[in-house]
Protein backbone atom coordinates (compact mmCIF):
# COMPACT_ATOMS: atom_id res chain seq x y z
CA MET A 1 -21.78 -16.62 -19.88
CA THR A 2 -23.67 -13.78 -18.23
CA THR A 3 -21.28 -12.86 -15.42
CA ASP A 4 -19.79 -9.41 -15.36
CA ARG A 5 -16.14 -9.68 -16.49
CA LYS A 6 -14.92 -6.68 -14.51
CA ARG A 7 -16.53 -7.93 -11.32
CA SER A 8 -15.03 -11.42 -11.51
CA ARG A 9 -11.45 -10.49 -12.46
CA PHE A 10 -8.76 -10.41 -9.80
CA PRO A 11 -10.93 -10.38 -6.67
CA ARG A 12 -7.97 -11.09 -4.37
CA LEU A 13 -5.89 -8.33 -5.92
CA ARG A 14 -8.72 -5.82 -5.53
CA TRP A 15 -9.11 -6.87 -1.87
CA ALA A 16 -5.36 -6.55 -1.29
CA VAL A 17 -5.30 -3.04 -2.72
CA ARG A 18 -8.18 -2.01 -0.48
CA HIS A 19 -6.74 -3.63 2.68
CA PRO A 20 -2.93 -3.34 2.62
CA LEU A 21 -2.48 -3.63 6.40
CA ASP A 22 -4.49 -6.85 6.54
CA VAL A 23 -2.35 -8.26 3.72
CA LEU A 24 0.85 -7.53 5.67
CA GLU A 25 -0.54 -9.14 8.83
CA ARG A 26 -1.77 -12.20 6.91
CA SER A 27 1.69 -12.52 5.35
CA GLY A 28 3.20 -13.00 8.80
CA PHE A 29 4.41 -9.50 9.59
CA SER A 30 4.03 -8.53 13.24
CA PRO A 31 2.47 -5.18 14.22
CA PRO A 32 5.89 -3.59 15.02
CA THR A 33 7.17 -4.64 11.59
CA VAL A 34 4.08 -3.17 9.92
CA ALA A 35 4.64 0.05 11.90
CA GLY A 36 8.26 0.11 10.71
CA ILE A 37 7.20 -0.35 7.09
CA LEU A 38 4.67 2.48 7.41
CA LEU A 39 7.23 4.74 9.11
CA PHE A 40 9.76 4.07 6.36
CA ALA A 41 7.19 4.76 3.63
CA ALA A 42 6.13 7.99 5.34
CA SER A 43 9.75 9.13 5.68
CA VAL A 44 10.43 8.46 1.99
CA VAL A 45 7.35 10.44 0.95
CA THR A 46 8.35 13.28 3.31
CA TRP A 47 11.89 13.34 1.95
CA LEU A 48 10.68 13.35 -1.65
CA THR A 49 8.26 16.19 -0.88
CA TYR A 50 10.99 18.21 0.85
CA THR A 51 13.38 17.63 -2.05
CA TYR A 52 10.76 18.62 -4.60
CA PHE A 53 9.86 21.87 -2.87
CA THR A 54 13.42 22.93 -2.01
CA HIS A 55 15.10 22.18 -5.32
CA LEU A 56 12.35 22.77 -7.83
CA SER A 57 10.71 25.86 -6.33
């Protein structure tokens, strides 16, 4: 067996990590739902950053 093990392992997972928006759309999420998910994720990161800098500074 001469194939490269790293190259052949988990090709779909590697693609999904590189293209998260395409994965959400392929899973049946509409563009407004994807926008809502991104907005929620951004607000959580913003809140965590604010909390970190206000309470731990």
